[in-house]
Amino acid sequence: MNKIARALLLLLLTPLHALQAQSDTTIIRTHFRQILQTPGFRHHANPAALNQVADYLDATFQRHAERVERQVYQVDGQSYQNVICSFGPKEAPRLIIGAHYDVCGEQAGADDNASGTVGLLELARLLRGQSLPFRIDLVAYTLEEPPHFRTEDMGSHVHARSLVDQKVPVLGMLSLEMLGYFKDEKKTQDYPVAPLKLFYGSRGNYITLVRKPGNGKFPRRFTRLYKKNALVRTKSIAAPAFIPGIDFSDHLNYWKYNMPALMLTDTAFLRNKNYHEKTDTLETLDLQRMALALDGVFKTVLALAAEK
C-alpha cells in the first residue's frame, strides 16, 4: 500500500471528533476559565457578575472587530445588557448568531451556556478579516434563564424586538445552546418522543440542528450547508414548537417576530444530566468536538457568503 492510500485509509478510520479543528481548543479553554471563574454566579440576582462577564465579552470582541456595542435595558430598576459584535457591511442584511451568558441559579453552567458564549468569542476570532456580502452580528444575551425565560425581559427578546422596531432586514438567526457535551456509549441520549430513538439512535455523540416547519428557507439552507461542511457527527430535526425542547432557547424570540431561526445544540437535558446542576463543569465537556461544531458554523457562514 502506497503512502497516499495509507493516508486515505487512516482518514477514513479516524473518528470525526479526532480530526483537527480550525477552532483552537487552547483559546476555547482559556475563555471558559475566564467566564467560569467570575466571582459569584452569573444569574439575574447577581448583576455584578453578569456585568463582569459582559466586560470580558466586550474586551474580547474588541480584539477582533471594529464594531462592538452594548444593548442596555432595565428590568425592575436594574440594568442588564446584551453585548453585540458586528462583521461585514454595516447597512447590509444581517445574520444573527446568538448565545446567552447567564445561568440558572447557583451553578457554573459550563455547558449551559458558557459553551455557547465561548462559541461566540471563537467565531469572532475566526471571522476577523473575512470578506462578507452580509452583516453578521454575534450577540451575547442576558436573562435567558428563569425567572425571565419566555418573558419580554429576555435579552434575545429585547434584541429581536429592536430589529423589528428599526426595520432591519434579517437573513436568519442561529442560537448556540449547549455545545460541549458528547457521549459515545449506548443509552446516553434521550428524546422528548420515544420513537425518535429509532431514527437518531441511543448514543449522545452528535450535534443537532433544530428548526420548525414553515419558518422560511434560511433554516433549511443553513442545515444543508452545515451537514456538508461540519466534521462533527451532525443530525437535524424539524418539529413543531410544542414538542419539549424545540423552542427552549433564544431562537424562540425570533420566531415570535416571524424571523427564520434555528438552534445548534448537544440536546441539553436530553443528554447532559448536569443540566441546571452544580455538576455542569468544564471537566465534563469534550472541547475537541465542540471545536469541530464551531468550525461547522464558521464554514457554513463562508458557504452562505459564497452562495450569496
Protein backbone atom coordinates (compact mmCIF):
# COMPACT_ATOMS: atom_id res chain seq x y z
CA MET A 1 0.00 0.00 0.00
CA ASN A 2 1.50 3.36 -1.02
CA LYS A 3 1.65 6.45 1.23
CA ILE A 4 -1.37 8.14 -0.33
CA ALA A 5 -3.52 5.03 0.06
CA ARG A 6 -2.41 4.64 3.70
CA ALA A 7 -3.22 8.28 4.39
CA LEU A 8 -6.70 7.94 2.90
CA LEU A 9 -7.34 4.76 4.86
CA LEU A 10 -6.22 6.44 8.08
CA LEU A 11 -8.54 9.35 7.39
CA LEU A 12 -11.48 7.04 6.79
CA LEU A 13 -10.77 5.13 10.02
CA THR A 14 -10.32 8.25 12.15
CA PRO A 15 -13.36 9.23 14.25
CA LEU A 16 -14.79 12.56 13.15
CA HIS A 17 -14.17 14.16 16.55
CA ALA A 18 -10.45 13.27 16.36
CA LEU A 19 -9.86 15.34 13.22
CA GLN A 20 -8.03 18.66 13.53
CA ALA A 21 -10.30 21.62 14.18
CA GLN A 22 -9.69 25.10 12.87
CA SER A 23 -11.11 26.37 16.15
CA ASP A 24 -8.43 26.46 18.84
CA THR A 25 -9.19 24.36 21.93
CA THR A 26 -6.48 26.16 23.93
CA ILE A 27 -8.15 29.50 23.32
CA ILE A 28 -11.55 27.95 23.95
CA ARG A 29 -10.39 26.58 27.32
CA THR A 30 -8.99 29.99 28.30
CA HIS A 31 -12.33 31.67 27.56
CA PHE A 32 -14.15 29.04 29.62
CA ARG A 33 -11.87 29.62 32.59
CA GLN A 34 -12.26 33.38 32.41
CA ILE A 35 -16.06 33.15 32.35
CA LEU A 36 -16.38 30.36 34.91
CA GLN A 37 -14.06 31.99 37.45
CA THR A 38 -16.24 35.10 37.68
CA PRO A 39 -16.87 35.81 41.40
CA GLY A 40 -20.37 34.79 42.38
CA PHE A 41 -22.84 33.26 39.95
CA ARG A 42 -23.86 34.97 36.74
CA HIS A 43 -27.62 34.92 37.26
CA HIS A 44 -30.34 37.58 37.30
CA ALA A 45 -29.96 38.32 41.01
CA ASN A 46 -26.23 38.98 40.66
CA PRO A 47 -25.89 41.76 38.07
CA ALA A 48 -22.33 42.47 39.20
CA ALA A 49 -21.25 39.01 37.97
CA LEU A 50 -23.21 39.44 34.74
CA ASN A 51 -21.56 42.82 34.17
CA GLN A 52 -18.10 41.36 34.76
CA VAL A 53 -18.75 38.70 32.12
CA ALA A 54 -20.13 41.38 29.78
CA ASP A 55 -16.90 43.35 30.24
CA TYR A 56 -14.85 40.29 29.30
CA LEU A 57 -17.00 39.64 26.24
CA ASP A 58 -16.73 43.27 25.16
CA ALA A 59 -12.93 43.32 25.57
CA THR A 60 -12.52 40.05 23.66
CA PHE A 61 -14.82 41.14 20.85
CA GLN A 62 -12.87 44.41 20.58
CA ARG A 63 -9.74 42.45 19.66
CA HIS A 64 -11.44 41.04 16.58
CA ALA A 65 -13.95 43.62 15.34
CA GLU A 66 -14.20 47.37 14.99
CA ARG A 67 -17.90 47.48 15.84
CA VAL A 68 -18.84 46.35 19.34
CA GLU A 69 -21.77 47.75 21.29
CA ARG A 70 -23.85 47.10 24.37
CA GLN A 71 -27.62 46.98 24.35
CA VAL A 72 -28.60 48.09 27.86
CA TYR A 73 -32.13 47.76 29.20
CA GLN A 74 -33.93 47.89 32.51
CA VAL A 75 -35.75 45.17 34.47
CA ASP A 76 -37.21 46.03 37.87
CA GLY A 77 -34.95 49.06 38.16
CA GLN A 78 -31.78 47.10 37.39
CA SER A 79 -29.67 47.42 34.24
CA TYR A 80 -28.86 44.36 32.14
CA GLN A 81 -27.01 44.21 28.85
CA ASN A 82 -26.54 42.31 25.63
CA VAL A 83 -23.10 42.57 24.01
CA ILE A 84 -23.03 42.77 20.19
CA CYS A 85 -20.05 42.30 17.86
CA SER A 86 -20.51 43.02 14.14
CA PHE A 87 -18.72 41.99 10.94
CA GLY A 88 -19.38 42.82 7.31
CA PRO A 89 -21.08 45.80 5.65
CA LYS A 90 -22.79 47.94 8.28
CA GLU A 91 -26.04 48.50 6.35
CA ALA A 92 -26.35 45.05 4.78
CA PRO A 93 -28.99 42.46 5.76
CA ARG A 94 -27.99 40.64 8.93
CA LEU A 95 -27.27 37.12 10.04
CA ILE A 96 -27.66 36.88 13.81
CA ILE A 97 -25.69 34.30 15.79
CA GLY A 98 -26.50 34.44 19.50
CA ALA A 99 -25.99 32.72 22.84
CA HIS A 100 -26.93 33.57 26.41
CA TYR A 101 -24.25 34.07 29.07
CA ASP A 102 -26.39 33.89 32.22
CA VAL A 103 -27.01 30.74 34.27
CA CYS A 104 -29.90 29.22 36.20
CA GLY A 105 -29.22 29.58 39.92
CA GLU A 106 -26.00 28.88 41.79
CA GLN A 107 -24.03 26.74 39.37
CA ALA A 108 -21.17 27.20 36.94
CA GLY A 109 -23.15 26.48 33.80
CA ALA A 110 -20.20 25.30 31.72
CA ASP A 111 -22.36 23.66 29.05
CA ASP A 112 -25.41 25.83 29.80
CA ASN A 113 -24.41 28.15 28.39
CA ALA A 114 -20.79 29.16 28.75
CA SER A 115 -20.23 26.81 25.81
CA GLY A 116 -22.44 28.88 23.51
CA THR A 117 -20.92 32.12 24.79
CA VAL A 118 -17.37 30.85 24.27
CA GLY A 119 -18.53 29.79 20.82
CA LEU A 120 -19.33 33.42 20.01
CA LEU A 121 -15.85 34.50 21.11
CA GLU A 122 -14.16 31.86 18.98
CA LEU A 123 -16.33 32.70 15.98
CA ALA A 124 -15.29 36.35 16.38
CA ARG A 125 -11.65 35.27 16.10
CA LEU A 126 -12.37 33.17 13.01
CA LEU A 127 -14.45 35.88 11.32
CA ARG A 128 -11.83 38.58 11.74
CA GLY A 129 -10.74 39.87 8.34
CA GLN A 130 -13.27 37.82 6.36
CA SER A 131 -14.91 39.47 3.36
CA LEU A 132 -18.68 39.10 3.71
CA PRO A 133 -21.60 40.17 1.49
CA PHE A 134 -23.90 40.43 4.51
CA ARG A 135 -23.57 41.63 8.09
CA ILE A 136 -23.04 39.17 10.93
CA ASP A 137 -23.99 40.17 14.46
CA LEU A 138 -22.66 37.95 17.24
CA VAL A 139 -24.96 38.66 20.18
CA ALA A 140 -24.31 37.59 23.78
CA TYR A 141 -27.66 37.71 25.57
CA THR A 142 -28.50 38.16 29.21
CA LEU A 143 -31.55 36.86 31.14
CA GLU A 144 -32.37 33.76 29.13
CA GLU A 145 -32.81 31.63 32.23
CA PRO A 146 -35.69 31.52 34.76
CA PRO A 147 -37.38 33.55 36.11
CA HIS A 148 -37.17 35.53 32.87
CA PHE A 149 -37.43 32.68 30.36
CA ARG A 150 -40.38 33.17 27.98
CA THR A 151 -40.84 36.79 29.10
CA GLU A 152 -40.11 40.06 27.34
CA ASP A 153 -37.20 40.55 29.77
CA MET A 154 -35.08 38.02 27.90
CA GLY A 155 -32.10 39.67 26.24
CA SER A 156 -32.92 37.91 22.98
CA HIS A 157 -36.48 39.29 23.06
CA VAL A 158 -35.12 42.79 23.58
CA HIS A 159 -32.74 42.30 20.67
CA ALA A 160 -35.31 40.73 18.32
CA ARG A 161 -37.83 43.48 19.05
CA SER A 162 -35.19 46.15 18.37
CA LEU A 163 -34.58 44.68 14.91
CA VAL A 164 -38.30 44.85 14.16
CA ASP A 165 -38.60 48.39 15.53
CA GLN A 166 -35.68 49.53 13.37
CA LYS A 167 -36.97 47.61 10.33
CA VAL A 168 -33.65 45.79 9.98
CA PRO A 169 -33.62 43.12 7.24
CA VAL A 170 -32.67 39.78 8.80
CA LEU A 171 -31.43 36.83 6.76
CA GLY A 172 -31.77 34.44 9.68
CA MET A 173 -30.78 33.65 13.24
CA LEU A 174 -28.76 30.82 14.80
CA SER A 175 -28.92 30.13 18.55
CA LEU A 176 -25.91 28.40 20.12
CA GLU A 177 -27.34 26.48 23.09
CA MET A 178 -25.09 23.96 24.87
CA LEU A 179 -22.37 22.72 22.52
CA GLY A 180 -19.89 20.73 24.59
CA TYR A 181 -21.36 17.50 25.98
CA PHE A 182 -20.89 14.28 23.99
CA LYS A 183 -21.13 10.60 24.92
CA ASP A 184 -20.29 7.60 22.75
CA GLU A 185 -21.85 4.96 24.98
CA LYS A 186 -25.25 3.45 24.26
CA LYS A 187 -28.28 4.74 26.19
CA THR A 188 -26.75 8.19 26.70
CA GLN A 189 -29.31 10.01 24.55
CA ASP A 190 -32.96 10.62 25.44
CA TYR A 191 -35.73 12.10 23.30
CA PRO A 192 -38.94 14.04 24.00
CA VAL A 193 -40.83 11.48 21.93
CA ALA A 194 -39.69 7.87 22.37
CA PRO A 195 -39.93 6.76 18.69
CA LEU A 196 -37.28 9.34 17.76
CA LYS A 197 -34.67 6.99 19.22
CA LEU A 198 -35.37 4.62 16.32
CA PHE A 199 -34.23 7.32 13.88
CA TYR A 200 -31.49 9.08 15.85
CA GLY A 201 -30.02 6.29 17.98
CA SER A 202 -29.20 5.97 21.67
CA ARG A 203 -25.69 7.46 21.65
CA GLY A 204 -25.22 11.10 22.58
CA ASN A 205 -22.34 11.57 20.15
CA TYR A 206 -23.67 14.18 17.74
CA ILE A 207 -24.56 17.84 17.44
CA THR A 208 -28.03 18.67 16.17
CA LEU A 209 -29.74 21.48 14.30
CA VAL A 210 -33.28 22.21 15.45
CA ARG A 211 -35.82 24.09 13.37
CA LYS A 212 -39.58 24.25 12.96
CA PRO A 213 -41.56 23.69 9.75
CA GLY A 214 -42.76 26.69 7.78
CA ASN A 215 -40.10 29.08 9.09
CA GLY A 216 -38.65 30.11 5.75
CA LYS A 217 -35.76 28.90 3.61
CA PHE A 218 -32.84 30.01 5.76
CA PRO A 219 -33.02 27.24 8.43
CA ARG A 220 -33.17 24.55 5.72
CA ARG A 221 -30.33 26.16 3.79
CA PHE A 222 -28.15 26.53 6.88
CA THR A 223 -28.81 22.92 7.88
CA ARG A 224 -27.90 21.64 4.42
CA LEU A 225 -24.64 23.56 4.32
CA TYR A 226 -23.72 22.70 7.91
CA LYS A 227 -24.13 18.99 7.27
CA LYS A 228 -21.97 19.34 4.16
CA ASN A 229 -19.17 21.27 5.90
CA ALA A 230 -19.04 20.10 9.53
CA LEU A 231 -16.59 17.39 10.62
CA VAL A 232 -18.54 16.54 13.76
CA ARG A 233 -21.34 13.97 13.54
CA THR A 234 -24.47 16.00 12.79
CA LYS A 235 -28.20 15.34 12.86
CA SER A 236 -31.20 17.60 12.40
CA ILE A 237 -34.84 17.79 13.28
CA ALA A 238 -37.74 19.89 12.05
CA ALA A 239 -40.57 19.72 14.54
CA PRO A 240 -43.37 21.92 15.91
CA ALA A 241 -42.52 24.14 18.86
CA PHE A 242 -44.89 22.32 21.23
CA ILE A 243 -42.54 19.32 21.38
CA PRO A 244 -40.46 19.78 24.55
CA GLY A 245 -37.04 21.24 23.87
CA ILE A 246 -37.68 22.53 20.36
CA ASP A 247 -38.01 26.16 21.45
CA PHE A 248 -36.00 26.04 24.69
CA SER A 249 -33.57 28.84 23.86
CA ASP A 250 -33.18 32.31 22.42
CA HIS A 251 -34.33 31.46 18.90
CA LEU A 252 -37.89 31.35 20.22
CA ASN A 253 -37.97 35.16 20.38
CA TYR A 254 -37.08 35.50 16.71
CA TRP A 255 -39.83 33.03 15.91
CA LYS A 256 -42.21 35.35 17.77
CA TYR A 257 -41.40 38.03 15.23
CA ASN A 258 -41.58 35.65 12.26
CA MET A 259 -37.85 35.66 11.59
CA PRO A 260 -36.25 32.46 10.27
CA ALA A 261 -34.24 30.91 13.10
CA LEU A 262 -32.79 27.61 14.28
CA MET A 263 -30.77 26.20 17.17
CA LEU A 264 -27.47 24.32 17.28
CA THR A 265 -27.28 22.15 20.40
CA ASP A 266 -25.96 18.99 22.04
CA THR A 267 -29.65 18.44 23.00
CA ALA A 268 -29.24 19.86 26.53
CA PHE A 269 -31.12 17.94 29.27
CA LEU A 270 -32.00 15.16 26.85
CA ARG A 271 -28.33 14.14 27.09
CA ASN A 272 -26.49 16.18 29.68
CA LYS A 273 -27.80 15.20 33.13
CA ASN A 274 -25.71 18.00 34.65
CA TYR A 275 -28.24 20.45 33.20
CA HIS A 276 -29.05 23.15 35.79
CA GLU A 277 -26.93 21.30 38.36
CA LYS A 278 -23.70 22.20 40.16
CA THR A 279 -22.04 19.35 38.27
CA ASP A 280 -22.23 21.28 34.96
CA THR A 281 -18.47 21.92 34.94
CA LEU A 282 -15.73 22.36 32.36
CA GLU A 283 -14.27 18.92 33.15
CA THR A 284 -17.40 17.22 31.77
CA LEU A 285 -17.08 18.75 28.30
CA ASP A 286 -15.47 17.50 25.10
CA LEU A 287 -13.72 20.59 23.76
CA GLN A 288 -12.41 18.84 20.65
CA ARG A 289 -15.87 18.01 19.39
CA MET A 290 -17.15 21.41 20.49
CA ALA A 291 -14.40 22.98 18.36
CA LEU A 292 -15.49 20.92 15.37
CA ALA A 293 -19.08 22.04 15.91
CA LEU A 294 -17.93 25.67 15.87
CA ASP A 295 -15.86 25.01 12.74
CA GLY A 296 -19.09 23.84 11.15
CA VAL A 297 -20.74 27.18 11.92
CA PHE A 298 -17.78 29.14 10.53
CA LYS A 299 -17.56 27.08 7.34
CA THR A 300 -21.32 27.31 6.85
CA VAL A 301 -21.15 31.10 7.14
CA LEU A 302 -18.45 31.15 4.47
CA ALA A 303 -20.53 28.83 2.29
CA LEU A 304 -23.54 31.14 2.68
CA ALA A 305 -21.35 34.06 1.67
CA ALA A 306 -20.11 32.18 -1.39
CA GLU A 307 -23.68 31.38 -2.46
CA LYS A 308 -24.89 34.96 -1.93
